[in-house]
């Protein structure tokens, strides 16, 4: 849990330190970008994560893809933002919270924990094109 929030908390702390050295209008101007970036890199941007077992079970029933991700990953964020509203149609597994999910990613990515890793109908892809994933949702 702590590891997931380390980067956002660090960014807000740096923003507060930098803002603390400025007068009021400049302090706000410095703090706002730090808080926005921290929010984008936090787990709050992603739909609720599921466990590996729950995501596999649900995917078997509804046929939706499973996306393995971790907080702070810029490629995961890119995929999430490109999916837009369709992100809720995907089962998300945070590999930092679920060791079984991390093991699946290592099995697909030659022993590495490279994310985002997407599994569609039993086939895994590492860092796929967001357009490809959108086409799998239709």
N, C-alpha and C. Protein backbone atom coordinates (compact mmCIF):
# COMPACT_ATOMS: atom_id res chain seq x y z
N UNK A 1 0.83 -1.19 0.00
CA UNK A 1 0.00 0.00 0.00
C UNK A 1 0.87 1.25 0.00
N UNK A 2 1.93 1.26 0.78
CA UNK A 2 2.79 2.43 0.89
C UNK A 2 3.48 2.70 -0.44
N UNK A 3 3.95 1.65 -1.10
CA UNK A 3 4.68 1.80 -2.36
C UNK A 3 3.81 2.45 -3.43
N UNK A 4 2.53 2.16 -3.43
CA UNK A 4 1.62 2.70 -4.44
C UNK A 4 1.49 4.22 -4.34
N UNK A 5 1.63 4.76 -3.14
CA UNK A 5 1.43 6.18 -2.92
C UNK A 5 2.73 6.96 -2.76
N UNK A 6 3.88 6.28 -2.85
CA UNK A 6 5.15 6.95 -2.61
C UNK A 6 5.41 8.10 -3.59
N UNK A 7 5.26 7.86 -4.87
CA UNK A 7 5.53 8.89 -5.87
C UNK A 7 4.57 10.07 -5.76
N UNK A 8 3.25 9.86 -5.67
CA UNK A 8 2.35 11.02 -5.50
C UNK A 8 2.64 11.83 -4.24
N UNK A 9 2.92 11.16 -3.13
CA UNK A 9 3.22 11.88 -1.88
C UNK A 9 4.52 12.66 -2.02
N UNK A 10 5.51 12.06 -2.66
CA UNK A 10 6.78 12.75 -2.89
C UNK A 10 6.58 14.00 -3.74
N UNK A 11 5.78 13.90 -4.80
CA UNK A 11 5.52 15.06 -5.65
C UNK A 11 4.81 16.18 -4.90
N UNK A 12 3.82 15.85 -4.11
CA UNK A 12 3.11 16.87 -3.34
C UNK A 12 4.05 17.50 -2.31
N UNK A 13 4.89 16.69 -1.70
CA UNK A 13 5.85 17.22 -0.72
C UNK A 13 6.83 18.19 -1.38
N UNK A 14 7.35 17.81 -2.54
CA UNK A 14 8.25 18.72 -3.27
C UNK A 14 7.52 20.00 -3.65
N UNK A 15 6.28 19.87 -4.09
CA UNK A 15 5.49 21.04 -4.43
C UNK A 15 5.29 21.96 -3.24
N UNK A 16 5.03 21.37 -2.08
CA UNK A 16 4.86 22.18 -0.86
C UNK A 16 6.15 22.87 -0.46
N UNK A 17 7.27 22.18 -0.61
CA UNK A 17 8.56 22.80 -0.27
C UNK A 17 8.85 23.96 -1.21
N UNK A 18 8.66 23.73 -2.51
CA UNK A 18 8.91 24.80 -3.49
C UNK A 18 7.95 25.96 -3.27
N UNK A 19 6.68 25.63 -3.05
CA UNK A 19 5.68 26.69 -2.83
C UNK A 19 5.95 27.46 -1.55
N UNK A 20 6.52 26.80 -0.54
CA UNK A 20 6.80 27.46 0.73
C UNK A 20 7.84 28.56 0.63
N UNK A 21 8.61 28.54 -0.44
CA UNK A 21 9.64 29.57 -0.61
C UNK A 21 9.14 30.77 -1.41
N UNK A 22 7.87 30.75 -1.80
CA UNK A 22 7.31 31.79 -2.67
C UNK A 22 6.24 32.60 -1.93
N UNK A 23 5.91 33.77 -2.48
CA UNK A 23 4.76 34.54 -2.00
C UNK A 23 3.49 33.83 -2.46
N UNK A 24 2.35 34.22 -1.88
CA UNK A 24 1.08 33.53 -2.09
C UNK A 24 0.74 33.25 -3.56
N UNK A 25 0.67 34.22 -4.47
CA UNK A 25 0.23 33.86 -5.83
C UNK A 25 1.20 32.89 -6.51
N UNK A 26 2.50 33.10 -6.29
CA UNK A 26 3.47 32.21 -6.92
C UNK A 26 3.46 30.84 -6.27
N UNK A 27 3.18 30.78 -4.99
CA UNK A 27 3.13 29.49 -4.29
C UNK A 27 2.03 28.62 -4.88
N UNK A 28 0.88 29.21 -5.12
CA UNK A 28 -0.22 28.46 -5.73
C UNK A 28 0.14 28.03 -7.15
N UNK A 29 0.79 28.91 -7.89
CA UNK A 29 1.18 28.58 -9.26
C UNK A 29 2.18 27.41 -9.29
N UNK A 30 3.03 27.31 -8.29
CA UNK A 30 3.99 26.21 -8.22
C UNK A 30 3.34 24.92 -7.71
N UNK A 31 2.44 25.05 -6.76
CA UNK A 31 1.86 23.87 -6.13
C UNK A 31 0.86 23.14 -7.03
N UNK A 32 0.05 23.86 -7.77
CA UNK A 32 -0.99 23.24 -8.59
C UNK A 32 -0.43 22.21 -9.58
N UNK A 33 0.61 22.50 -10.36
CA UNK A 33 1.12 21.47 -11.28
C UNK A 33 1.63 20.22 -10.56
N UNK A 34 2.28 20.39 -9.42
CA UNK A 34 2.75 19.23 -8.67
C UNK A 34 1.59 18.36 -8.21
N UNK A 35 0.53 18.99 -7.73
CA UNK A 35 -0.63 18.23 -7.26
C UNK A 35 -1.33 17.54 -8.44
N UNK A 36 -1.44 18.20 -9.57
CA UNK A 36 -2.06 17.58 -10.74
C UNK A 36 -1.28 16.36 -11.22
N UNK A 37 0.02 16.48 -11.32
CA UNK A 37 0.84 15.34 -11.76
C UNK A 37 0.76 14.22 -10.73
N UNK A 38 0.79 14.57 -9.46
CA UNK A 38 0.66 13.55 -8.41
C UNK A 38 -0.68 12.82 -8.53
N UNK A 39 -1.74 13.55 -8.82
CA UNK A 39 -3.05 12.92 -9.01
C UNK A 39 -3.07 11.98 -10.19
N UNK A 40 -2.44 12.38 -11.30
CA UNK A 40 -2.39 11.52 -12.48
C UNK A 40 -1.59 10.25 -12.24
N UNK A 41 -0.56 10.33 -11.42
CA UNK A 41 0.28 9.16 -11.17
C UNK A 41 -0.21 8.33 -9.98
N UNK A 42 -1.30 8.72 -9.37
CA UNK A 42 -1.82 7.98 -8.22
C UNK A 42 -2.77 6.87 -8.69
N UNK A 43 -3.07 5.94 -7.82
CA UNK A 43 -4.03 4.88 -8.16
C UNK A 43 -5.46 5.38 -8.35
N UNK A 44 -5.74 6.63 -7.99
CA UNK A 44 -7.11 7.15 -8.09
C UNK A 44 -7.59 7.29 -9.53
N UNK A 45 -6.67 7.39 -10.49
CA UNK A 45 -7.04 7.60 -11.89
C UNK A 45 -7.60 6.31 -12.51
N UNK A 46 -7.24 5.19 -11.95
CA UNK A 46 -7.61 3.91 -12.52
C UNK A 46 -8.89 3.37 -11.89
N UNK A 47 -9.66 2.59 -12.67
CA UNK A 47 -10.82 1.92 -12.07
C UNK A 47 -10.37 0.98 -10.95
N UNK A 48 -11.29 0.55 -10.14
CA UNK A 48 -10.97 -0.32 -9.00
C UNK A 48 -10.25 -1.58 -9.48
N UNK A 49 -9.13 -1.88 -8.82
CA UNK A 49 -8.38 -3.07 -9.18
C UNK A 49 -9.03 -4.31 -8.58
N UNK A 50 -8.85 -5.40 -9.28
CA UNK A 50 -9.33 -6.69 -8.83
C UNK A 50 -8.13 -7.59 -8.57
N UNK A 51 -8.37 -8.70 -7.91
CA UNK A 51 -7.31 -9.68 -7.75
C UNK A 51 -7.19 -10.47 -9.05
N UNK A 52 -6.08 -11.16 -9.19
CA UNK A 52 -5.86 -11.97 -10.39
C UNK A 52 -6.97 -13.01 -10.55
N UNK A 53 -7.29 -13.71 -9.47
CA UNK A 53 -8.31 -14.76 -9.53
C UNK A 53 -9.68 -14.19 -9.91
N UNK A 54 -10.03 -13.07 -9.31
CA UNK A 54 -11.33 -12.45 -9.61
C UNK A 54 -11.38 -11.95 -11.05
N UNK A 55 -10.30 -11.35 -11.53
CA UNK A 55 -10.26 -10.85 -12.91
C UNK A 55 -10.37 -12.00 -13.91
N UNK A 56 -9.67 -13.10 -13.66
CA UNK A 56 -9.76 -14.26 -14.56
C UNK A 56 -11.17 -14.84 -14.57
N UNK A 57 -11.76 -14.94 -13.39
CA UNK A 57 -13.12 -15.49 -13.30
C UNK A 57 -14.11 -14.60 -14.06
N UNK A 58 -14.02 -13.30 -13.84
CA UNK A 58 -14.95 -12.38 -14.52
C UNK A 58 -14.70 -12.35 -16.03
N UNK A 59 -13.42 -12.40 -16.42
CA UNK A 59 -13.10 -12.38 -17.84
C UNK A 59 -13.61 -13.63 -18.54
N UNK A 60 -13.58 -14.76 -17.85
CA UNK A 60 -14.09 -15.99 -18.44
C UNK A 60 -15.60 -15.89 -18.68
N UNK A 61 -16.29 -15.15 -17.82
CA UNK A 61 -17.74 -15.00 -17.95
C UNK A 61 -18.11 -13.98 -19.02
N UNK A 62 -17.47 -12.79 -18.96
CA UNK A 62 -17.89 -11.71 -19.87
C UNK A 62 -16.95 -11.48 -21.06
N UNK A 63 -15.80 -12.15 -21.11
CA UNK A 63 -14.90 -12.04 -22.25
C UNK A 63 -14.11 -10.73 -22.33
N UNK A 64 -14.14 -9.94 -21.28
CA UNK A 64 -13.42 -8.67 -21.30
C UNK A 64 -11.93 -8.88 -21.06
N UNK A 65 -11.10 -7.99 -21.60
CA UNK A 65 -9.65 -8.10 -21.39
C UNK A 65 -9.25 -7.83 -19.93
N UNK A 66 -8.08 -8.33 -19.57
CA UNK A 66 -7.48 -8.05 -18.27
C UNK A 66 -6.23 -7.21 -18.51
N UNK A 67 -6.12 -6.09 -17.81
CA UNK A 67 -4.95 -5.23 -17.92
C UNK A 67 -4.21 -5.28 -16.58
N UNK A 68 -2.93 -5.66 -16.65
CA UNK A 68 -2.07 -5.66 -15.47
C UNK A 68 -1.31 -4.35 -15.48
N UNK A 69 -1.32 -3.64 -14.36
CA UNK A 69 -0.73 -2.31 -14.29
C UNK A 69 -0.10 -2.11 -12.91
N UNK A 70 0.57 -0.97 -12.74
CA UNK A 70 1.08 -0.56 -11.44
C UNK A 70 1.04 0.97 -11.37
N UNK A 71 0.83 1.52 -10.19
CA UNK A 71 0.81 2.98 -10.03
C UNK A 71 2.16 3.60 -10.38
N UNK A 72 2.10 4.78 -10.98
CA UNK A 72 3.31 5.50 -11.35
C UNK A 72 3.85 5.14 -12.72
N UNK A 73 3.27 4.16 -13.38
CA UNK A 73 3.73 3.74 -14.71
C UNK A 73 3.15 4.68 -15.76
N UNK A 74 4.03 5.38 -16.47
CA UNK A 74 3.53 6.34 -17.47
C UNK A 74 2.86 5.64 -18.65
N UNK A 75 3.27 4.43 -18.96
CA UNK A 75 2.65 3.70 -20.07
C UNK A 75 1.27 3.19 -19.69
N UNK A 76 1.10 2.83 -18.41
CA UNK A 76 -0.23 2.44 -17.91
C UNK A 76 -1.16 3.64 -17.92
N UNK A 77 -0.64 4.79 -17.52
CA UNK A 77 -1.43 6.01 -17.53
C UNK A 77 -1.85 6.37 -18.96
N UNK A 78 -0.91 6.25 -19.90
CA UNK A 78 -1.23 6.53 -21.30
C UNK A 78 -2.35 5.63 -21.79
N UNK A 79 -2.25 4.33 -21.48
CA UNK A 79 -3.29 3.38 -21.89
C UNK A 79 -4.62 3.75 -21.25
N UNK A 80 -4.60 4.07 -19.95
CA UNK A 80 -5.83 4.42 -19.25
C UNK A 80 -6.48 5.66 -19.85
N UNK A 81 -5.69 6.68 -20.15
CA UNK A 81 -6.25 7.92 -20.71
C UNK A 81 -6.74 7.71 -22.12
N UNK A 82 -6.05 6.91 -22.92
CA UNK A 82 -6.49 6.64 -24.30
C UNK A 82 -7.77 5.83 -24.33
N UNK A 83 -7.98 4.98 -23.33
CA UNK A 83 -9.22 4.20 -23.29
C UNK A 83 -10.42 5.06 -22.92
N UNK A 84 -10.19 6.12 -22.17
CA UNK A 84 -11.28 7.02 -21.78
C UNK A 84 -12.34 6.28 -20.99
N UNK A 85 -13.60 6.47 -21.38
CA UNK A 85 -14.71 5.82 -20.68
C UNK A 85 -14.69 4.31 -20.82
N UNK A 86 -14.05 3.81 -21.89
CA UNK A 86 -13.99 2.37 -22.10
C UNK A 86 -13.11 1.66 -21.07
N UNK A 87 -12.37 2.40 -20.27
CA UNK A 87 -11.51 1.79 -19.26
C UNK A 87 -12.31 0.98 -18.25
N UNK A 88 -13.57 1.33 -18.05
CA UNK A 88 -14.38 0.57 -17.12
C UNK A 88 -14.81 -0.78 -17.69
N UNK A 89 -14.59 -0.99 -19.00
CA UNK A 89 -14.93 -2.26 -19.63
C UNK A 89 -13.81 -3.28 -19.54
N UNK A 90 -12.74 -2.93 -18.84
CA UNK A 90 -11.56 -3.78 -18.72
C UNK A 90 -11.40 -4.14 -17.25
N UNK A 91 -10.90 -5.34 -16.99
CA UNK A 91 -10.58 -5.74 -15.61
C UNK A 91 -9.13 -5.34 -15.33
N UNK A 92 -8.93 -4.52 -14.31
CA UNK A 92 -7.61 -4.00 -13.97
C UNK A 92 -7.05 -4.76 -12.78
N UNK A 93 -5.78 -5.19 -12.89
CA UNK A 93 -5.10 -5.89 -11.80
C UNK A 93 -3.82 -5.13 -11.49
N UNK A 94 -3.71 -4.62 -10.27
CA UNK A 94 -2.53 -3.89 -9.81
C UNK A 94 -1.50 -4.92 -9.37
N UNK A 95 -0.39 -5.04 -10.07
CA UNK A 95 0.60 -6.08 -9.76
C UNK A 95 1.34 -5.79 -8.46
N UNK A 96 1.30 -4.59 -7.96
CA UNK A 96 1.93 -4.29 -6.67
C UNK A 96 1.05 -4.73 -5.51
N UNK A 97 -0.23 -4.89 -5.75
CA UNK A 97 -1.13 -5.35 -4.70
C UNK A 97 -1.39 -6.85 -4.78
N UNK A 98 -1.16 -7.45 -5.94
CA UNK A 98 -1.52 -8.85 -6.14
C UNK A 98 -0.32 -9.63 -6.68
N UNK A 99 0.35 -10.41 -5.84
CA UNK A 99 1.51 -11.19 -6.29
C UNK A 99 1.17 -12.19 -7.41
N UNK A 100 -0.05 -12.71 -7.41
CA UNK A 100 -0.44 -13.64 -8.48
C UNK A 100 -0.50 -12.91 -9.82
N UNK A 101 -0.96 -11.67 -9.81
CA UNK A 101 -0.97 -10.87 -11.03
C UNK A 101 0.43 -10.59 -11.52
N UNK A 102 1.35 -10.29 -10.59
CA UNK A 102 2.75 -10.06 -10.95
C UNK A 102 3.36 -11.31 -11.56
N UNK A 103 2.99 -12.48 -11.05
CA UNK A 103 3.51 -13.74 -11.60
C UNK A 103 3.02 -13.96 -13.02
N UNK A 104 1.76 -13.60 -13.29
CA UNK A 104 1.23 -13.74 -14.66
C UNK A 104 2.01 -12.83 -15.61
N UNK A 105 2.27 -11.60 -15.18
CA UNK A 105 3.02 -10.66 -16.02
C UNK A 105 4.42 -11.18 -16.28
N UNK A 106 5.08 -11.71 -15.26
CA UNK A 106 6.43 -12.27 -15.45
C UNK A 106 6.41 -13.43 -16.44
N UNK A 107 5.35 -14.22 -16.40
CA UNK A 107 5.22 -15.34 -17.35
C UNK A 107 5.05 -14.88 -18.79
N UNK A 108 4.39 -13.77 -18.99
CA UNK A 108 4.15 -13.25 -20.34
C UNK A 108 5.35 -12.44 -20.82
N UNK A 109 6.00 -11.70 -19.92
CA UNK A 109 7.06 -10.75 -20.30
C UNK A 109 8.46 -11.30 -20.04
N UNK A 110 8.66 -12.59 -20.23
CA UNK A 110 9.99 -13.20 -20.11
C UNK A 110 10.66 -12.93 -18.77
N UNK A 111 9.91 -13.04 -17.69
CA UNK A 111 10.48 -12.87 -16.36
C UNK A 111 10.50 -11.44 -15.85
N UNK A 112 10.11 -10.49 -16.66
CA UNK A 112 10.08 -9.08 -16.25
C UNK A 112 8.67 -8.69 -15.81
N UNK A 113 8.58 -7.66 -15.01
CA UNK A 113 7.27 -7.12 -14.61
C UNK A 113 6.95 -5.90 -15.45
N UNK A 114 6.91 -6.08 -16.75
CA UNK A 114 6.66 -4.99 -17.69
C UNK A 114 5.15 -4.77 -17.81
N UNK A 115 4.75 -3.55 -17.52
CA UNK A 115 3.33 -3.20 -17.61
C UNK A 115 3.17 -1.98 -18.51
N UNK A 116 2.03 -1.78 -19.10
CA UNK A 116 0.84 -2.60 -19.01
C UNK A 116 0.98 -3.88 -19.82
N UNK A 117 0.48 -4.93 -19.27
CA UNK A 117 0.37 -6.21 -19.96
C UNK A 117 -1.10 -6.53 -20.05
N UNK A 118 -1.56 -6.89 -21.24
CA UNK A 118 -2.98 -7.13 -21.48
C UNK A 118 -3.17 -8.58 -21.90
N UNK A 119 -4.18 -9.22 -21.31
CA UNK A 119 -4.54 -10.58 -21.70
C UNK A 119 -5.95 -10.54 -22.27
N UNK A 120 -6.07 -10.97 -23.54
CA UNK A 120 -7.36 -11.04 -24.22
C UNK A 120 -7.52 -12.46 -24.73
N UNK A 121 -8.56 -13.14 -24.27
CA UNK A 121 -8.85 -14.51 -24.72
C UNK A 121 -7.63 -15.41 -24.56
N UNK A 122 -6.93 -15.28 -23.44
CA UNK A 122 -5.79 -16.14 -23.16
C UNK A 122 -4.49 -15.73 -23.81
N UNK A 123 -4.51 -14.73 -24.66
CA UNK A 123 -3.30 -14.26 -25.35
C UNK A 123 -2.80 -12.99 -24.66
N UNK A 124 -1.53 -12.98 -24.28
CA UNK A 124 -0.96 -11.84 -23.59
C UNK A 124 -0.14 -10.94 -24.50
N UNK A 125 -0.24 -9.65 -24.29
CA UNK A 125 0.55 -8.65 -25.01
C UNK A 125 1.13 -7.65 -24.03
N UNK A 126 2.39 -7.31 -24.24
CA UNK A 126 3.06 -6.35 -23.38
C UNK A 126 3.02 -4.98 -24.03
N UNK A 127 2.58 -3.98 -23.28
CA UNK A 127 2.48 -2.59 -23.73
C UNK A 127 1.83 -2.48 -25.12
N UNK A 128 0.59 -2.94 -25.24
CA UNK A 128 -0.07 -2.91 -26.54
C UNK A 128 -0.48 -1.50 -26.95
N UNK A 129 -0.75 -1.35 -28.22
CA UNK A 129 -1.26 -0.09 -28.74
C UNK A 129 -2.68 0.13 -28.18
N UNK A 130 -2.97 1.31 -27.63
CA UNK A 130 -4.31 1.55 -27.10
C UNK A 130 -5.42 1.36 -28.14
N UNK A 131 -5.13 1.66 -29.40
CA UNK A 131 -6.13 1.47 -30.44
C UNK A 131 -6.47 -0.02 -30.60
N UNK A 132 -5.46 -0.87 -30.48
CA UNK A 132 -5.69 -2.31 -30.57
C UNK A 132 -6.61 -2.76 -29.43
N UNK A 133 -6.33 -2.29 -28.21
CA UNK A 133 -7.16 -2.69 -27.08
C UNK A 133 -8.57 -2.17 -27.23
N UNK A 134 -8.73 -0.94 -27.70
CA UNK A 134 -10.08 -0.41 -27.95
C UNK A 134 -10.83 -1.29 -28.94
N UNK A 135 -10.14 -1.78 -29.98
CA UNK A 135 -10.80 -2.62 -30.98
C UNK A 135 -11.21 -3.96 -30.36
N UNK A 136 -10.52 -4.42 -29.34
CA UNK A 136 -10.88 -5.68 -28.66
C UNK A 136 -12.11 -5.52 -27.78
N UNK A 137 -12.46 -4.29 -27.45
CA UNK A 137 -13.61 -4.04 -26.59
C UNK A 137 -14.92 -4.02 -27.36
N UNK A 138 -14.87 -4.02 -28.64
CA UNK A 138 -16.10 -3.94 -29.44
C UNK A 138 -16.59 -5.29 -29.83
